[in-house]
Amino acid sequence: MTTSTINSQRPTSDLGDSNLRLKDILKTLPRECFQQDRRQAWKSVVASVSMVGLGYVSLIFAPWFLLPLAWIFTGTALTGFFVIAHDCGHRSFAKRRWVNDLVGHIFMAPLIYPFHSWRILHNFHHLHTNKLEVDNAWQPITPKEFEDWDKVSKLSFEGFTRSRLWWIGSIIHWVVMHFNLANFRAKDHASVKISIGVVVLFAAIAFPLLIATTGVWGFVKFWLLPWMVYHFWMSTFTLVHHTAPNIAFTAASKWNAALAQLSGTVHCDYPGWVEFLCHDINVHIPHHVSTAIPSYRLRLAHRSLQENWGDYIVENRFSLSLMKQITDNCHLYNPESGYLSFKDYYSRL
């Protein structure tokens, strides 16, 4: 198995046979990886609801100097809500579609995330992972594209998306992508409108009620700051899942689905409490190999991938040092040579 370091420059597209097929990989996974277990699925629901409840109890009773810890815990537990909805979006939570849709809407509503909007766009990302100019979830910007941008766009990109403020990237993506019908096909508009209506209704009821009973500070304390912690993790997970110097993005004409899913995403180990609260969402490679694998089967699938496809796998361990290295070096992407930092880009002008 190859454990990636951020300084590794070996492009994943150089590994193995370009004729590798996803079905070749899927055949090596234990059958159990794809088996839904109703008890396990609902155990994750009970765990998340319990942990979020515990988080809000801590917010009520914690002295002011412990509130930051309570916000971190509660926001991370709320990320578990997203992961449950994530399984629902991939139809791996339950066998009945209406159950997946109902549970998905319930768990995304407090996050003000339209379920069908996210589901449709996210499934598109899985179909086109790391395909240049197509992938809608993580698309690197080439130097040529960057040169054509206006000054405001350049400053925004440098200052937020690829800098120490990476953690608000998910908020920007949430706003820009999920409430605009123009981002969806006409046949999906009805579903998207329903999901947008659900979160608007939730906000219209919950937010005024929260402010009326706890004041503006209560809104900030009980919803806004935990929600921002949730987006910190969403931004971080997305960045780390899809960013390393040796991760290749390829044009559609050269794109290989098996290599993109197996070697184009990153496995990252986080502290155990994060893994527990977020239901192992960071065991990311098997999820890209097959979205049919439920979150509680991801570790089993990952062990199988390590055994059978270890040379293709990129792995990291979460740390502030890792985040610093990514945000210092992985800025613009040249399809021929890989990532380029802003510092190197400007030094060549």
Protein backbone atom coordinates (compact mmCIF):
# COMPACT_ATOMS: atom_id res chain seq x y z
CA MET A 1 0.00 0.00 0.00
CA THR A 2 1.20 3.46 -0.87
CA THR A 3 0.68 6.04 1.87
CA SER A 4 0.70 9.43 0.26
CA THR A 5 2.49 12.41 1.69
CA ILE A 6 1.61 15.86 0.53
CA ASN A 7 5.00 16.22 -1.13
CA SER A 8 4.59 13.14 -3.28
CA GLN A 9 4.63 14.05 -6.96
CA ARG A 10 3.78 10.72 -8.52
CA PRO A 11 0.60 11.26 -10.55
CA THR A 12 -2.03 8.64 -9.85
CA SER A 13 -2.87 8.50 -13.55
CA ASP A 14 0.52 6.81 -14.08
CA LEU A 15 -0.50 3.82 -11.98
CA GLY A 16 -1.67 0.59 -13.52
CA ASP A 17 -3.60 -0.26 -16.63
CA SER A 18 -5.59 2.49 -18.31
CA ASN A 19 -8.04 -0.26 -19.31
CA LEU A 20 -8.88 -1.02 -15.68
CA ARG A 21 -12.65 -1.22 -15.18
CA LEU A 22 -14.74 -0.53 -12.09
CA LYS A 23 -16.29 -3.97 -12.31
CA ASP A 24 -12.80 -5.48 -11.95
CA ILE A 25 -12.50 -3.70 -8.60
CA LEU A 26 -16.05 -4.46 -7.48
CA LYS A 27 -15.52 -8.19 -8.04
CA THR A 28 -12.81 -8.20 -5.36
CA LEU A 29 -14.99 -6.66 -2.65
CA PRO A 30 -16.72 -8.99 -0.16
CA ARG A 31 -20.42 -9.36 -0.86
CA GLU A 32 -21.16 -8.19 2.68
CA CYS A 33 -19.99 -4.68 1.70
CA PHE A 34 -23.20 -4.17 -0.27
CA GLN A 35 -25.64 -5.65 2.24
CA GLN A 36 -27.96 -3.19 3.93
CA ASP A 37 -28.58 -3.81 7.61
CA ARG A 38 -31.67 -2.05 8.94
CA ARG A 39 -30.48 -2.34 12.54
CA GLN A 40 -27.11 -0.77 11.73
CA ALA A 41 -28.74 2.02 9.76
CA TRP A 42 -31.14 2.97 12.54
CA LYS A 43 -28.38 2.61 15.16
CA SER A 44 -26.57 5.39 13.32
CA VAL A 45 -29.75 7.49 13.51
CA VAL A 46 -30.06 6.90 17.26
CA ALA A 47 -26.36 7.67 17.76
CA SER A 48 -26.54 10.94 15.83
CA VAL A 49 -29.75 12.14 17.45
CA SER A 50 -28.33 11.28 20.89
CA MET A 51 -25.03 13.05 20.24
CA VAL A 52 -26.71 16.16 18.80
CA GLY A 53 -29.06 16.17 21.79
CA LEU A 54 -26.08 15.90 24.14
CA GLY A 55 -24.45 18.76 22.26
CA TYR A 56 -27.44 21.04 22.76
CA VAL A 57 -27.66 20.12 26.45
CA SER A 58 -24.02 21.13 26.77
CA LEU A 59 -24.77 24.44 25.02
CA ILE A 60 -27.55 25.13 27.53
CA PHE A 61 -25.54 24.38 30.67
CA ALA A 62 -21.90 24.96 29.73
CA PRO A 63 -20.19 28.02 31.26
CA TRP A 64 -19.10 30.60 28.71
CA PHE A 65 -15.48 29.43 28.63
CA LEU A 66 -16.56 25.90 27.58
CA LEU A 67 -18.91 27.05 24.84
CA PRO A 68 -16.27 26.72 22.06
CA LEU A 69 -15.87 23.02 22.93
CA ALA A 70 -19.65 22.61 22.97
CA TRP A 71 -19.96 24.29 19.56
CA ILE A 72 -17.26 22.04 18.11
CA PHE A 73 -18.90 18.91 19.49
CA THR A 74 -22.43 19.89 18.42
CA GLY A 75 -21.38 20.98 14.95
CA THR A 76 -19.44 17.75 14.41
CA ALA A 77 -22.43 15.72 15.61
CA LEU A 78 -24.63 17.63 13.15
CA THR A 79 -22.23 16.52 10.42
CA GLY A 80 -23.41 13.02 11.30
CA PHE A 81 -26.91 14.17 10.31
CA PHE A 82 -25.52 14.99 6.88
CA VAL A 83 -23.85 11.57 6.59
CA ILE A 84 -27.15 9.81 7.31
CA ALA A 85 -28.82 11.91 4.61
CA HIS A 86 -25.81 11.15 2.41
CA ASP A 87 -26.59 7.42 2.62
CA CYS A 88 -30.23 8.23 1.89
CA GLY A 89 -29.20 10.19 -1.20
CA HIS A 90 -27.34 7.15 -2.51
CA ARG A 91 -30.27 4.85 -1.58
CA SER A 92 -27.96 2.85 0.71
CA PHE A 93 -29.78 3.72 3.95
CA ALA A 94 -33.03 1.86 3.24
CA LYS A 95 -34.41 -0.32 0.46
CA ARG A 96 -37.55 1.78 0.01
CA ARG A 97 -37.08 5.03 -1.87
CA TRP A 98 -39.71 6.91 0.14
CA VAL A 99 -37.89 6.03 3.37
CA ASN A 100 -34.62 7.36 1.96
CA ASP A 101 -36.31 10.56 0.80
CA LEU A 102 -38.16 11.11 4.08
CA VAL A 103 -35.14 10.48 6.31
CA GLY A 104 -32.90 12.50 4.00
CA HIS A 105 -35.20 15.52 4.18
CA ILE A 106 -35.58 15.25 7.97
CA PHE A 107 -31.85 15.15 8.63
CA MET A 108 -30.89 17.83 6.12
CA ALA A 109 -33.62 20.27 7.18
CA PRO A 110 -31.77 21.57 10.30
CA LEU A 111 -28.73 22.15 8.10
CA ILE A 112 -30.88 24.15 5.62
CA TYR A 113 -29.64 21.81 2.89
CA PRO A 114 -32.17 20.93 0.13
CA PHE A 115 -32.00 17.15 -0.03
CA HIS A 116 -32.87 16.54 -3.68
CA SER A 117 -30.72 19.47 -4.83
CA TRP A 118 -27.73 17.96 -3.08
CA ARG A 119 -28.57 14.38 -4.13
CA ILE A 120 -28.78 15.19 -7.83
CA LEU A 121 -25.63 17.29 -7.95
CA HIS A 122 -23.67 14.86 -5.77
CA ASN A 123 -24.56 11.86 -7.91
CA PHE A 124 -23.33 13.80 -10.94
CA HIS A 125 -20.01 14.28 -9.10
CA HIS A 126 -19.74 10.53 -8.64
CA LEU A 127 -20.36 9.88 -12.31
CA HIS A 128 -17.64 12.35 -13.35
CA THR A 129 -15.11 12.36 -10.49
CA ASN A 130 -11.92 14.25 -11.39
CA LYS A 131 -13.05 14.84 -14.96
CA LEU A 132 -11.74 18.24 -16.01
CA GLU A 133 -14.41 20.85 -16.77
CA VAL A 134 -17.18 18.38 -15.85
CA ASP A 135 -16.94 17.36 -12.17
CA ASN A 136 -19.23 19.75 -10.28
CA ALA A 137 -18.00 19.13 -6.71
CA TRP A 138 -14.26 19.62 -6.99
CA GLN A 139 -12.97 21.30 -10.10
CA PRO A 140 -9.37 22.57 -10.12
CA ILE A 141 -8.70 25.90 -11.78
CA THR A 142 -6.05 25.98 -14.50
CA PRO A 143 -3.58 28.87 -14.86
CA LYS A 144 -5.19 29.77 -18.19
CA GLU A 145 -8.65 30.04 -16.60
CA PHE A 146 -7.24 32.05 -13.73
CA GLU A 147 -5.60 34.53 -16.12
CA ASP A 148 -8.96 35.27 -17.73
CA TRP A 149 -10.69 36.13 -14.45
CA ASP A 150 -11.31 39.66 -13.25
CA LYS A 151 -9.46 41.01 -10.23
CA VAL A 152 -12.33 40.45 -7.78
CA SER A 153 -12.70 36.80 -8.79
CA LYS A 154 -8.97 36.25 -8.45
CA LEU A 155 -8.86 37.82 -5.00
CA SER A 156 -11.88 35.79 -3.89
CA PHE A 157 -10.36 32.54 -5.11
CA GLU A 158 -6.98 33.25 -3.53
CA GLY A 159 -8.45 34.52 -0.30
CA PHE A 160 -11.16 31.98 0.37
CA THR A 161 -11.24 28.82 -1.69
CA ARG A 162 -7.52 28.02 -1.54
CA SER A 163 -6.23 29.70 1.61
CA ARG A 164 -6.48 29.65 5.39
CA LEU A 165 -10.18 30.42 4.89
CA TRP A 166 -10.77 27.10 3.11
CA TRP A 167 -13.34 26.26 5.80
CA ILE A 168 -16.00 28.54 4.32
CA GLY A 169 -15.77 26.93 0.87
CA SER A 170 -18.68 24.62 1.65
CA ILE A 171 -20.91 27.58 2.53
CA ILE A 172 -20.16 29.20 -0.83
CA HIS A 173 -20.89 25.92 -2.63
CA TRP A 174 -24.14 25.50 -0.66
CA VAL A 175 -25.38 28.96 -1.64
CA VAL A 176 -24.30 28.95 -5.27
CA MET A 177 -25.25 25.43 -6.30
CA HIS A 178 -28.30 24.20 -4.40
CA PHE A 179 -30.96 26.92 -4.64
CA ASN A 180 -30.65 27.83 -8.31
CA LEU A 181 -32.96 25.90 -10.63
CA ALA A 182 -30.67 26.75 -13.55
CA ASN A 183 -28.21 24.18 -12.14
CA PHE A 184 -30.70 21.35 -12.73
CA ARG A 185 -32.40 19.67 -15.63
CA ALA A 186 -36.05 20.57 -16.21
CA LYS A 187 -37.20 17.07 -15.24
CA ASP A 188 -35.60 17.52 -11.79
CA HIS A 189 -37.15 20.91 -11.04
CA ALA A 190 -40.18 19.49 -9.21
CA SER A 191 -38.02 17.47 -6.80
CA VAL A 192 -35.64 20.37 -6.24
CA LYS A 193 -38.54 22.76 -5.52
CA ILE A 194 -39.91 20.35 -2.91
CA SER A 195 -36.55 20.17 -1.13
CA ILE A 196 -36.05 23.92 -1.23
CA GLY A 197 -39.57 24.32 0.13
CA VAL A 198 -38.79 21.95 3.02
CA VAL A 199 -35.76 23.93 4.19
CA VAL A 200 -37.49 27.28 3.68
CA LEU A 201 -40.42 26.04 5.78
CA PHE A 202 -38.06 24.74 8.47
CA ALA A 203 -36.21 28.06 8.61
CA ALA A 204 -39.47 30.05 8.59
CA ILE A 205 -40.70 28.17 11.65
CA ALA A 206 -37.54 27.31 13.59
CA PHE A 207 -35.57 30.54 13.27
CA PRO A 208 -38.28 32.99 14.44
CA LEU A 209 -39.22 30.59 17.24
CA LEU A 210 -35.60 30.30 18.34
CA ILE A 211 -35.09 34.07 18.29
CA ALA A 212 -38.39 34.70 20.08
CA THR A 213 -37.47 32.33 22.92
CA THR A 214 -33.71 32.83 23.22
CA GLY A 215 -33.01 36.12 21.44
CA VAL A 216 -30.57 36.84 18.64
CA TRP A 217 -27.72 35.50 20.77
CA GLY A 218 -29.67 32.25 21.16
CA PHE A 219 -29.92 31.97 17.37
CA VAL A 220 -26.16 32.46 17.09
CA LYS A 221 -25.40 30.15 20.02
CA PHE A 222 -27.75 27.28 19.21
CA TRP A 223 -27.84 27.29 15.40
CA LEU A 224 -25.38 29.56 13.59
CA LEU A 225 -22.12 28.57 15.30
CA PRO A 226 -22.78 24.79 15.30
CA TRP A 227 -23.84 25.16 11.65
CA MET A 228 -20.53 26.88 10.86
CA VAL A 229 -18.63 24.03 12.55
CA TYR A 230 -20.59 21.63 10.37
CA HIS A 231 -19.50 23.57 7.29
CA PHE A 232 -15.92 23.58 8.56
CA TRP A 233 -15.97 19.81 8.41
CA MET A 234 -17.77 19.74 5.06
CA SER A 235 -15.18 22.10 3.57
CA THR A 236 -12.31 20.18 5.13
CA PHE A 237 -13.55 16.73 4.14
CA THR A 238 -14.15 17.82 0.55
CA LEU A 239 -10.77 19.52 0.25
CA VAL A 240 -8.83 16.61 1.74
CA HIS A 241 -10.84 13.94 -0.11
CA HIS A 242 -9.92 15.40 -3.48
CA THR A 243 -6.64 17.27 -3.06
CA ALA A 244 -3.04 16.07 -3.07
CA PRO A 245 -0.19 16.84 -5.47
CA ASN A 246 -0.37 13.34 -6.93
CA ILE A 247 -4.12 13.36 -7.56
CA ALA A 248 -4.75 13.56 -11.29
CA PHE A 249 -7.59 15.36 -13.07
CA THR A 250 -8.01 14.36 -16.70
CA ALA A 251 -9.89 15.49 -19.76
CA ALA A 252 -13.01 13.57 -20.73
CA SER A 253 -11.22 11.97 -23.70
CA LYS A 254 -8.60 10.40 -21.38
CA TRP A 255 -10.74 9.83 -18.30
CA ASN A 256 -10.93 6.33 -16.81
CA ALA A 257 -13.71 5.76 -14.28
CA ALA A 258 -11.89 3.05 -12.32
CA LEU A 259 -8.69 5.06 -11.91
CA ALA A 260 -10.62 8.23 -11.11
CA GLN A 261 -12.61 6.58 -8.32
CA LEU A 262 -9.83 4.40 -6.91
CA SER A 263 -6.85 6.75 -7.22
CA GLY A 264 -8.49 10.13 -7.65
CA THR A 265 -9.85 10.32 -4.11
CA VAL A 266 -8.00 10.32 -0.79
CA HIS A 267 -8.48 8.26 2.35
CA CYS A 268 -7.75 10.34 5.44
CA ASP A 269 -7.62 9.21 9.07
CA TYR A 270 -9.19 11.64 11.56
CA PRO A 271 -9.36 11.49 15.36
CA GLY A 272 -11.61 8.68 16.58
CA TRP A 273 -14.30 11.00 17.98
CA VAL A 274 -14.66 12.67 14.57
CA GLU A 275 -14.88 9.31 12.81
CA PHE A 276 -17.57 8.16 15.28
CA LEU A 277 -19.70 11.30 15.09
CA CYS A 278 -19.39 11.46 11.28
CA HIS A 279 -20.06 7.74 10.66
CA ASP A 280 -16.75 7.05 8.87
CA ILE A 281 -17.49 9.39 5.97
CA ASN A 282 -13.73 9.90 5.64
CA VAL A 283 -13.26 6.29 4.58
CA HIS A 284 -13.86 7.78 1.20
CA ILE A 285 -12.35 5.57 -1.48
CA PRO A 286 -14.80 2.62 -1.24
CA HIS A 287 -17.67 5.12 -1.33
CA HIS A 288 -16.39 6.31 -4.70
CA VAL A 289 -15.83 2.79 -5.98
CA SER A 290 -19.51 2.09 -5.25
CA THR A 291 -22.12 4.42 -3.75
CA ALA A 292 -24.16 1.32 -2.85
CA ILE A 293 -21.84 0.65 0.12
CA PRO A 294 -23.52 1.91 3.33
CA SER A 295 -21.44 4.01 5.73
CA TYR A 296 -21.24 1.13 8.27
CA ARG A 297 -19.60 -1.11 5.62
CA LEU A 298 -16.95 1.37 4.48
CA ARG A 299 -14.14 0.10 6.72
CA LEU A 300 -14.68 -3.49 5.60
CA ALA A 301 -14.56 -2.37 1.97
CA HIS A 302 -11.47 -0.23 2.56
CA ARG A 303 -9.55 -3.14 4.07
CA SER A 304 -10.37 -5.18 0.98
CA LEU A 305 -9.21 -2.37 -1.31
CA GLN A 306 -5.96 -2.08 0.65
CA GLU A 307 -5.33 -5.79 0.22
CA ASN A 308 -6.18 -6.00 -3.47
CA TRP A 309 -5.50 -2.51 -4.86
CA GLY A 310 -3.07 -1.01 -2.36
CA ASP A 311 -0.72 0.46 -4.98
CA TYR A 312 -3.52 2.61 -6.32
CA ILE A 313 -4.64 4.06 -3.00
CA VAL A 314 -3.69 7.50 -1.67
CA GLU A 315 -3.85 7.94 2.11
CA ASN A 316 -3.19 10.76 4.57
CA ARG A 317 -3.68 11.59 8.24
CA PHE A 318 -5.53 14.74 9.22
CA SER A 319 -3.51 17.46 10.93
CA LEU A 320 -3.16 21.20 10.86
CA SER A 321 0.17 20.60 9.12
CA LEU A 322 -1.63 18.72 6.34
CA MET A 323 -4.11 21.56 5.90
CA LYS A 324 -1.28 24.10 5.82
CA GLN A 325 0.57 22.13 3.16
CA ILE A 326 -2.55 21.76 0.99
CA THR A 327 -3.53 25.41 1.28
CA ASP A 328 0.06 26.54 0.69
CA ASN A 329 0.73 24.41 -2.38
CA CYS A 330 -2.40 23.10 -4.14
CA HIS A 331 -3.76 26.21 -5.81
CA LEU A 332 -3.84 26.14 -9.62
CA TYR A 333 -3.82 22.95 -11.63
CA ASN A 334 -1.88 22.34 -14.82
CA PRO A 335 -3.14 19.17 -16.57
CA GLU A 336 0.38 18.49 -17.83
CA SER A 337 2.37 18.99 -14.62
CA GLY A 338 -0.06 19.01 -11.69
CA TYR A 339 -0.64 21.56 -8.94
CA LEU A 340 1.04 24.95 -8.85
CA SER A 341 1.10 27.33 -5.88
CA PHE A 342 0.12 30.97 -6.27
CA LYS A 343 3.67 31.87 -5.26
CA ASP A 344 5.14 29.81 -8.09
CA TYR A 345 2.50 31.06 -10.52
CA TYR A 346 3.27 34.73 -9.87
CA SER A 347 7.04 34.13 -9.89
CA ARG A 348 6.75 32.87 -13.48
CA LEU A 349 4.90 35.91 -14.80
